[in-house]
Amino acid sequence: MRGSRSPRCRTAHPTGQGAVQQAREATRALAEHGGQVRFLLRDRDAKCTASCDAVFTAEDFDILLSAPGTPKMNPVAQRIAPAALK
């Protein structure tokens, strides 16, 4: 999972339940690899339901929502984040 920034969707049309399952798998993979993540930057997609957020908050993630109307915010953050971590 290290070095991966793009979500891995298994279906062409993911649902809210699928997003919750992927959130569980992501937190489990981070725990297995000893990853320490504090923030989760996510968009305001309807697939990310309250149950999906509950999975991450149970693992002590701080969830940050991207600003509305800024679809290019995630790629910008992906370019800036590695530089900020150095």
PDB file of N, CA and C in Angstrom:
ATOM      1  N   MET A   1       0.821  -1.193   0.000  1.00  0.00           N
ATOM      2  CA  MET A   1       0.000   0.000   0.000  1.00  0.00           C
ATOM      3  C   MET A   1       0.869   1.262   0.000  1.00  0.00           C
ATOM      4  N   ARG A   2       2.109   1.147   0.405  1.00  0.00           N
ATOM      5  CA  ARG A   2       2.987   2.304   0.462  1.00  0.00           C
ATOM      6  C   ARG A   2       3.204   2.854  -0.935  1.00  0.00           C
ATOM      7  N   GLY A   3       3.129   4.147  -1.064  1.00  0.00           N
ATOM      8  CA  GLY A   3       3.353   4.790  -2.338  1.00  0.00           C
ATOM      9  C   GLY A   3       2.133   4.821  -3.236  1.00  0.00           C
ATOM     10  N   SER A   4       1.040   4.281  -2.776  1.00  0.00           N
ATOM     11  CA  SER A   4      -0.168   4.250  -3.593  1.00  0.00           C
ATOM     12  C   SER A   4      -1.094   5.378  -3.173  1.00  0.00           C
ATOM     13  N   ARG A   5      -1.511   6.173  -4.125  1.00  0.00           N
ATOM     14  CA  ARG A   5      -2.394   7.286  -3.801  1.00  0.00           C
ATOM     15  C   ARG A   5      -3.757   7.146  -4.437  1.00  0.00           C
ATOM     16  N   SER A   6      -3.901   6.227  -5.353  1.00  0.00           N
ATOM     17  CA  SER A   6      -5.176   6.116  -6.047  1.00  0.00           C
ATOM     18  C   SER A   6      -6.020   5.006  -5.441  1.00  0.00           C
ATOM     19  N   PRO A   7      -7.326   5.225  -5.360  1.00  0.00           N
ATOM     20  CA  PRO A   7      -8.197   4.185  -4.802  1.00  0.00           C
ATOM     21  C   PRO A   7      -8.263   2.986  -5.739  1.00  0.00           C
ATOM     22  N   ARG A   8      -8.489   1.849  -5.154  1.00  0.00           N
ATOM     23  CA  ARG A   8      -8.610   0.631  -5.952  1.00  0.00           C
ATOM     24  C   ARG A   8     -10.061   0.180  -5.928  1.00  0.00           C
ATOM     25  N   CYS A   9     -10.775   0.455  -6.984  1.00  0.00           N
ATOM     26  CA  CYS A   9     -12.171   0.059  -7.091  1.00  0.00           C
ATOM     27  C   CYS A   9     -12.250  -1.261  -7.840  1.00  0.00           C
ATOM     28  N   ARG A  10     -13.045  -2.158  -7.307  1.00  0.00           N
ATOM     29  CA  ARG A  10     -13.166  -3.466  -7.935  1.00  0.00           C
ATOM     30  C   ARG A  10     -14.337  -3.546  -8.890  1.00  0.00           C
ATOM     31  N   THR A  11     -15.229  -2.596  -8.836  1.00  0.00           N
ATOM     32  CA  THR A  11     -16.396  -2.632  -9.706  1.00  0.00           C
ATOM     33  C   THR A  11     -16.472  -1.338 -10.501  1.00  0.00           C
ATOM     34  N   ALA A  12     -17.220  -1.404 -11.572  1.00  0.00           N
ATOM     35  CA  ALA A  12     -17.386  -0.213 -12.401  1.00  0.00           C
ATOM     36  C   ALA A  12     -18.268   0.824 -11.709  1.00  0.00           C
ATOM     37  N   HIS A  13     -19.195   0.348 -10.878  1.00  0.00           N
ATOM     38  CA  HIS A  13     -20.134   1.244 -10.188  1.00  0.00           C
ATOM     39  C   HIS A  13     -20.155   0.912  -8.697  1.00  0.00           C
ATOM     40  N   PRO A  14     -19.168   1.413  -7.942  1.00  0.00           N
ATOM     41  CA  PRO A  14     -19.116   1.091  -6.518  1.00  0.00           C
ATOM     42  C   PRO A  14     -20.289   1.698  -5.744  1.00  0.00           C
ATOM     43  N   THR A  15     -20.641   1.052  -4.657  1.00  0.00           N
ATOM     44  CA  THR A  15     -21.742   1.508  -3.807  1.00  0.00           C
ATOM     45  C   THR A  15     -21.194   1.957  -2.456  1.00  0.00           C
ATOM     46  N   GLY A  16     -22.083   2.450  -1.605  1.00  0.00           N
ATOM     47  CA  GLY A  16     -21.677   2.849  -0.264  1.00  0.00           C
ATOM     48  C   GLY A  16     -21.151   1.679   0.543  1.00  0.00           C
ATOM     49  N   GLN A  17     -21.785   0.513   0.393  1.00  0.00           N
ATOM     50  CA  GLN A  17     -21.323  -0.681   1.106  1.00  0.00           C
ATOM     51  C   GLN A  17     -19.938  -1.091   0.633  1.00  0.00           C
ATOM     52  N   GLY A  18     -19.688  -0.952  -0.646  1.00  0.00           N
ATOM     53  CA  GLY A  18     -18.364  -1.263  -1.179  1.00  0.00           C
ATOM     54  C   GLY A  18     -17.310  -0.314  -0.648  1.00  0.00           C
ATOM     55  N   ALA A  19     -17.674   0.952  -0.486  1.00  0.00           N
ATOM     56  CA  ALA A  19     -16.734   1.939   0.054  1.00  0.00           C
ATOM     57  C   ALA A  19     -16.390   1.617   1.508  1.00  0.00           C
ATOM     58  N   VAL A  20     -17.384   1.161   2.266  1.00  0.00           N
ATOM     59  CA  VAL A  20     -17.139   0.784   3.660  1.00  0.00           C
ATOM     60  C   VAL A  20     -16.192  -0.409   3.716  1.00  0.00           C
ATOM     61  N   GLN A  21     -16.417  -1.385   2.862  1.00  0.00           N
ATOM     62  CA  GLN A  21     -15.541  -2.561   2.837  1.00  0.00           C
ATOM     63  C   GLN A  21     -14.113  -2.170   2.446  1.00  0.00           C
ATOM     64  N   GLN A  22     -13.973  -1.285   1.481  1.00  0.00           N
ATOM     65  CA  GLN A  22     -12.642  -0.837   1.093  1.00  0.00           C
ATOM     66  C   GLN A  22     -11.977  -0.043   2.211  1.00  0.00           C
ATOM     67  N   ALA A  23     -12.769   0.710   2.972  1.00  0.00           N
ATOM     68  CA  ALA A  23     -12.209   1.441   4.114  1.00  0.00           C
ATOM     69  C   ALA A  23     -11.684   0.467   5.159  1.00  0.00           C
ATOM     70  N   ARG A  24     -12.441  -0.598   5.417  1.00  0.00           N
ATOM     71  CA  ARG A  24     -11.977  -1.614   6.371  1.00  0.00           C
ATOM     72  C   ARG A  24     -10.692  -2.268   5.896  1.00  0.00           C
ATOM     73  N   GLU A  25     -10.643  -2.607   4.611  1.00  0.00           N
ATOM     74  CA  GLU A  25      -9.445  -3.250   4.062  1.00  0.00           C
ATOM     75  C   GLU A  25      -8.242  -2.307   4.115  1.00  0.00           C
ATOM     76  N   ALA A  26      -8.472  -1.032   3.852  1.00  0.00           N
ATOM     77  CA  ALA A  26      -7.369  -0.063   3.876  1.00  0.00           C
ATOM     78  C   ALA A  26      -6.813   0.108   5.286  1.00  0.00           C
ATOM     79  N   THR A  27      -7.694   0.218   6.281  1.00  0.00           N
ATOM     80  CA  THR A  27      -7.216   0.372   7.659  1.00  0.00           C
ATOM     81  C   THR A  27      -6.520  -0.894   8.130  1.00  0.00           C
ATOM     82  N   ARG A  28      -7.018  -2.055   7.714  1.00  0.00           N
ATOM     83  CA  ARG A  28      -6.381  -3.317   8.081  1.00  0.00           C
ATOM     84  C   ARG A  28      -4.986  -3.412   7.453  1.00  0.00           C
ATOM     85  N   ALA A  29      -4.865  -3.032   6.197  1.00  0.00           N
ATOM     86  CA  ALA A  29      -3.567  -3.082   5.516  1.00  0.00           C
ATOM     87  C   ALA A  29      -2.579  -2.114   6.155  1.00  0.00           C
ATOM     88  N   LEU A  30      -3.046  -0.943   6.538  1.00  0.00           N
ATOM     89  CA  LEU A  30      -2.159   0.021   7.204  1.00  0.00           C
ATOM     90  C   LEU A  30      -1.677  -0.520   8.542  1.00  0.00           C
ATOM     91  N   ALA A  31      -2.576  -1.160   9.277  1.00  0.00           N
ATOM     92  CA  ALA A  31      -2.201  -1.719  10.574  1.00  0.00           C
ATOM     93  C   ALA A  31      -1.185  -2.846  10.410  1.00  0.00           C
ATOM     94  N   GLU A  32      -1.366  -3.679   9.391  1.00  0.00           N
ATOM     95  CA  GLU A  32      -0.440  -4.793   9.158  1.00  0.00           C
ATOM     96  C   GLU A  32       0.954  -4.304   8.767  1.00  0.00           C
ATOM     97  N   HIS A  33       1.019  -3.216   8.026  1.00  0.00           N
ATOM     98  CA  HIS A  33       2.306  -2.702   7.570  1.00  0.00           C
ATOM     99  C   HIS A  33       2.888  -1.656   8.520  1.00  0.00           C
ATOM    100  N   GLY A  34       2.228  -1.411   9.615  1.00  0.00           N
ATOM    101  CA  GLY A  34       2.744  -0.458  10.587  1.00  0.00           C
ATOM    102  C   GLY A  34       2.646   0.982  10.136  1.00  0.00           C
ATOM    103  N   GLY A  35       1.744   1.262   9.211  1.00  0.00           N
ATOM    104  CA  GLY A  35       1.590   2.627   8.720  1.00  0.00           C
ATOM    105  C   GLY A  35       0.927   3.519   9.749  1.00  0.00           C
ATOM    106  N   GLN A  36       1.395   4.739   9.836  1.00  0.00           N
ATOM    107  CA  GLN A  36       0.803   5.700  10.751  1.00  0.00           C
ATOM    108  C   GLN A  36       0.236   6.844   9.930  1.00  0.00           C
ATOM    109  N   VAL A  37      -1.059   6.880   9.849  1.00  0.00           N
ATOM    110  CA  VAL A  37      -1.745   7.920   9.090  1.00  0.00           C
ATOM    111  C   VAL A  37      -2.632   8.675  10.057  1.00  0.00           C
ATOM    112  N   ARG A  38      -2.563   9.974   9.989  1.00  0.00           N
ATOM    113  CA  ARG A  38      -3.372  10.779  10.891  1.00  0.00           C
ATOM    114  C   ARG A  38      -4.548  11.411  10.169  1.00  0.00           C
ATOM    115  N   PHE A  39      -4.360  11.818   8.914  1.00  0.00           N
ATOM    116  CA  PHE A  39      -5.395  12.531   8.183  1.00  0.00           C
ATOM    117  C   PHE A  39      -5.860  11.729   6.977  1.00  0.00           C
ATOM    118  N   LEU A  40      -7.127  11.866   6.675  1.00  0.00           N
ATOM    119  CA  LEU A  40      -7.701  11.290   5.469  1.00  0.00           C
ATOM    120  C   LEU A  40      -8.370  12.424   4.713  1.00  0.00           C
ATOM    121  N   LEU A  41      -7.886  12.699   3.526  1.00  0.00           N
ATOM    122  CA  LEU A  41      -8.485  13.722   2.666  1.00  0.00           C
ATOM    123  C   LEU A  41      -9.406  13.011   1.693  1.00  0.00           C
ATOM    124  N   ARG A  42     -10.683  13.331   1.745  1.00  0.00           N
ATOM    125  CA  ARG A  42     -11.631  12.687   0.846  1.00  0.00           C
ATOM    126  C   ARG A  42     -12.560  13.714   0.238  1.00  0.00           C
ATOM    127  N   ASP A  43     -13.139  13.330  -0.896  1.00  0.00           N
ATOM    128  CA  ASP A  43     -14.080  14.231  -1.547  1.00  0.00           C
ATOM    129  C   ASP A  43     -15.469  14.048  -0.939  1.00  0.00           C
ATOM    130  N   ARG A  44     -16.421  14.773  -1.458  1.00  0.00           N
ATOM    131  CA  ARG A  44     -17.770  14.754  -0.897  1.00  0.00           C
ATOM    132  C   ARG A  44     -18.694  13.813  -1.665  1.00  0.00           C
ATOM    133  N   ASP A  45     -18.141  12.740  -2.182  1.00  0.00           N
ATOM    134  CA  ASP A  45     -18.921  11.775  -2.946  1.00  0.00           C
ATOM    135  C   ASP A  45     -19.951  11.089  -2.048  1.00  0.00           C
ATOM    136  N   ALA A  46     -21.109  10.802  -2.604  1.00  0.00           N
ATOM    137  CA  ALA A  46     -22.191  10.176  -1.842  1.00  0.00           C
ATOM    138  C   ALA A  46     -21.852   8.746  -1.436  1.00  0.00           C
ATOM    139  N   LYS A  47     -20.881   8.125  -2.104  1.00  0.00           N
ATOM    140  CA  LYS A  47     -20.504   6.761  -1.750  1.00  0.00           C
ATOM    141  C   LYS A  47     -19.814   6.704  -0.388  1.00  0.00           C
ATOM    142  N   CYS A  48     -19.202   7.795   0.026  1.00  0.00           N
ATOM    143  CA  CYS A  48     -18.559   7.838   1.334  1.00  0.00           C
ATOM    144  C   CYS A  48     -19.611   8.237   2.361  1.00  0.00           C
ATOM    145  N   THR A  49     -20.218   7.241   2.939  1.00  0.00           N
ATOM    146  CA  THR A  49     -21.325   7.457   3.873  1.00  0.00           C
ATOM    147  C   THR A  49     -20.800   7.653   5.292  1.00  0.00           C
ATOM    148  N   ALA A  50     -21.721   7.872   6.217  1.00  0.00           N
ATOM    149  CA  ALA A  50     -21.341   8.027   7.619  1.00  0.00           C
ATOM    150  C   ALA A  50     -20.691   6.750   8.138  1.00  0.00           C
ATOM    151  N   SER A  51     -21.131   5.573   7.644  1.00  0.00           N
ATOM    152  CA  SER A  51     -20.506   4.332   8.099  1.00  0.00           C
ATOM    153  C   SER A  51     -19.068   4.231   7.622  1.00  0.00           C
ATOM    154  N   CYS A  52     -18.803   4.743   6.441  1.00  0.00           N
ATOM    155  CA  CYS A  52     -17.430   4.752   5.914  1.00  0.00           C
ATOM    156  C   CYS A  52     -16.562   5.665   6.794  1.00  0.00           C
ATOM    157  N   ASP A  53     -17.084   6.820   7.136  1.00  0.00           N
ATOM    158  CA  ASP A  53     -16.349   7.728   8.022  1.00  0.00           C
ATOM    159  C   ASP A  53     -16.142   7.102   9.401  1.00  0.00           C
ATOM    160  N   ALA A  54     -17.123   6.333   9.871  1.00  0.00           N
ATOM    161  CA  ALA A  54     -17.014   5.697  11.188  1.00  0.00           C
ATOM    162  C   ALA A  54     -15.862   4.703  11.232  1.00  0.00           C
ATOM    163  N   VAL A  55     -15.611   4.019  10.126  1.00  0.00           N
ATOM    164  CA  VAL A  55     -14.493   3.076  10.065  1.00  0.00           C
ATOM    165  C   VAL A  55     -13.177   3.815  10.293  1.00  0.00           C
ATOM    166  N   PHE A  56     -13.018   4.956   9.647  1.00  0.00           N
ATOM    167  CA  PHE A  56     -11.771   5.709   9.784  1.00  0.00           C
ATOM    168  C   PHE A  56     -11.667   6.412  11.141  1.00  0.00           C
ATOM    169  N   THR A  57     -12.759   6.951  11.647  1.00  0.00           N
ATOM    170  CA  THR A  57     -12.683   7.626  12.952  1.00  0.00           C
ATOM    171  C   THR A  57     -12.440   6.622  14.072  1.00  0.00           C
ATOM    172  N   ALA A  58     -12.880   5.374  13.902  1.00  0.00           N
ATOM    173  CA  ALA A  58     -12.598   4.349  14.908  1.00  0.00           C
ATOM    174  C   ALA A  58     -11.105   4.054  14.981  1.00  0.00           C
ATOM    175  N   GLU A  59     -10.395   4.298  13.892  1.00  0.00           N
ATOM    176  CA  GLU A  59      -8.944   4.097  13.852  1.00  0.00           C
ATOM    177  C   GLU A  59      -8.186   5.402  14.118  1.00  0.00           C
ATOM    178  N   ASP A  60      -8.863   6.413  14.646  1.00  0.00           N
ATOM    179  CA  ASP A  60      -8.277   7.713  15.021  1.00  0.00           C
ATOM    180  C   ASP A  60      -7.761   8.519  13.840  1.00  0.00           C
ATOM    181  N   PHE A  61      -8.434   8.431  12.702  1.00  0.00           N
ATOM    182  CA  PHE A  61      -8.114   9.277  11.558  1.00  0.00           C
ATOM    183  C   PHE A  61      -8.880  10.583  11.714  1.00  0.00           C
ATOM    184  N   ASP A  62      -8.271  11.685  11.329  1.00  0.00           N
ATOM    185  CA  ASP A  62      -8.980  12.956  11.212  1.00  0.00           C
ATOM    186  C   ASP A  62      -9.399  13.081   9.757  1.00  0.00           C
ATOM    187  N   ILE A  63     -10.703  13.174   9.505  1.00  0.00           N
ATOM    188  CA  ILE A  63     -11.218  13.210   8.142  1.00  0.00           C
ATOM    189  C   ILE A  63     -11.357  14.656   7.698  1.00  0.00           C
ATOM    190  N   LEU A  64     -10.704  14.978   6.596  1.00  0.00           N
ATOM    191  CA  LEU A  64     -10.781  16.309   6.009  1.00  0.00           C
ATOM    192  C   LEU A  64     -11.529  16.196   4.689  1.00  0.00           C
ATOM    193  N   LEU A  65     -12.547  17.013   4.517  1.00  0.00           N
ATOM    194  CA  LEU A  65     -13.319  17.006   3.279  1.00  0.00           C
ATOM    195  C   LEU A  65     -12.757  18.043   2.317  1.00  0.00           C
ATOM    196  N   SER A  66     -12.683  17.662   1.058  1.00  0.00           N
ATOM    197  CA  SER A  66     -12.230  18.639   0.072  1.00  0.00           C
ATOM    198  C   SER A  66     -13.303  19.715  -0.074  1.00  0.00           C
ATOM    199  N   ALA A  67     -12.877  20.880  -0.467  1.00  0.00           N
ATOM    200  CA  ALA A  67     -13.807  21.989  -0.608  1.00  0.00           C
ATOM    201  C   ALA A  67     -14.783  21.718  -1.756  1.00  0.00           C
ATOM    202  N   PRO A  68     -16.033  22.127  -1.623  1.00  0.00           N
ATOM    203  CA  PRO A  68     -16.987  21.896  -2.709  1.00  0.00           C
ATOM    204  C   PRO A  68     -16.610  22.694  -3.952  1.00  0.00           C
ATOM    205  N   GLY A  69     -16.813  22.081  -5.081  1.00  0.00           N
ATOM    206  CA  GLY A  69     -16.534  22.770  -6.335  1.00  0.00           C
ATOM    207  C   GLY A  69     -15.071  22.837  -6.706  1.00  0.00           C
ATOM    208  N   THR A  70     -14.240  22.042  -6.057  1.00  0.00           N
ATOM    209  CA  THR A  70     -12.819  22.041  -6.390  1.00  0.00           C
ATOM    210  C   THR A  70     -12.370  20.619  -6.724  1.00  0.00           C
ATOM    211  N   PRO A  71     -12.754  20.116  -7.877  1.00  0.00           N
ATOM    212  CA  PRO A  71     -12.411  18.736  -8.220  1.00  0.00           C
ATOM    213  C   PRO A  71     -10.922  18.504  -8.413  1.00  0.00           C
ATOM    214  N   LYS A  72     -10.148  19.558  -8.603  1.00  0.00           N
ATOM    215  CA  LYS A  72      -8.712  19.380  -8.816  1.00  0.00           C
ATOM    216  C   LYS A  72      -7.914  19.474  -7.519  1.00  0.00           C
ATOM    217  N   MET A  73      -8.583  19.534  -6.383  1.00  0.00           N
ATOM    218  CA  MET A  73      -7.889  19.675  -5.110  1.00  0.00           C
ATOM    219  C   MET A  73      -7.092  18.421  -4.746  1.00  0.00           C
ATOM    220  N   ASN A  74      -7.635  17.231  -4.976  1.00  0.00           N
ATOM    221  CA  ASN A  74      -6.939  16.005  -4.604  1.00  0.00           C
ATOM    222  C   ASN A  74      -5.618  15.835  -5.345  1.00  0.00           C
ATOM    223  N   PRO A  75      -5.551  16.019  -6.669  1.00  0.00           N
ATOM    224  CA  PRO A  75      -4.247  15.891  -7.335  1.00  0.00           C
ATOM    225  C   PRO A  75      -3.231  16.924  -6.853  1.00  0.00           C
ATOM    226  N   VAL A  76      -3.692  18.111  -6.527  1.00  0.00           N
ATOM    227  CA  VAL A  76      -2.774  19.134  -6.019  1.00  0.00           C
ATOM    228  C   VAL A  76      -2.216  18.694  -4.673  1.00  0.00           C
ATOM    229  N   ALA A  77      -3.086  18.176  -3.809  1.00  0.00           N
ATOM    230  CA  ALA A  77      -2.641  17.706  -2.492  1.00  0.00           C
ATOM    231  C   ALA A  77      -1.682  16.537  -2.625  1.00  0.00           C
ATOM    232  N   GLN A  78      -1.905  15.686  -3.617  1.00  0.00           N
ATOM    233  CA  GLN A  78      -1.011  14.543  -3.818  1.00  0.00           C
ATOM    234  C   GLN A  78       0.372  14.980  -4.247  1.00  0.00           C
ATOM    235  N   ARG A  79       0.464  16.074  -4.965  1.00  0.00           N
ATOM    236  CA  ARG A  79       1.782  16.585  -5.373  1.00  0.00           C
ATOM    237  C   ARG A  79       2.473  17.297  -4.212  1.00  0.00           C
ATOM    238  N   ILE A  80       1.708  17.969  -3.368  1.00  0.00           N
ATOM    239  CA  ILE A  80       2.296  18.754  -2.289  1.00  0.00           C
ATOM    240  C   ILE A  80       2.673  17.881  -1.105  1.00  0.00           C
ATOM    241  N   ALA A  81       1.878  16.860  -0.784  1.00  0.00           N
ATOM    242  CA  ALA A  81       2.089  16.056   0.408  1.00  0.00           C
ATOM    243  C   ALA A  81       3.483  15.429   0.482  1.00  0.00           C
ATOM    244  N   PRO A  82       4.001  14.786  -0.568  1.00  0.00           N
ATOM    245  CA  PRO A  82       5.340  14.206  -0.450  1.00  0.00           C
ATOM    246  C   PRO A  82       6.413  15.245  -0.147  1.00  0.00           C
ATOM    247  N   ALA A  83       6.282  16.412  -0.719  1.00  0.00           N
ATOM    248  CA  ALA A  83       7.272  17.469  -0.454  1.00  0.00           C
ATOM    249  C   ALA A  83       7.178  17.947   0.987  1.00  0.00           C
ATOM    250  N   ALA A  84       5.975  17.979   1.535  1.00  0.00           N
ATOM    251  CA  ALA A  84       5.791  18.444   2.905  1.00  0.00           C
ATOM    252  C   ALA A  84       6.323  17.433   3.916  1.00  0.00           C
ATOM    253  N   LEU A  85       6.356  16.157   3.529  1.00  0.00           N
ATOM    254  CA  LEU A  85       6.811  15.117   4.453  1.00  0.00           C
ATOM    255  C   LEU A  85       8.330  15.006   4.519  1.00  0.00           C
ATOM    256  N   LYS A  86       9.035  15.606   3.556  1.00  0.00           N
ATOM    257  CA  LYS A  86      10.508  15.506   3.543  1.00  0.00           C
ATOM    258  C   LYS A  86      11.144  16.446   4.524  1.00  0.00           C
TER     259      LYS A  86
END
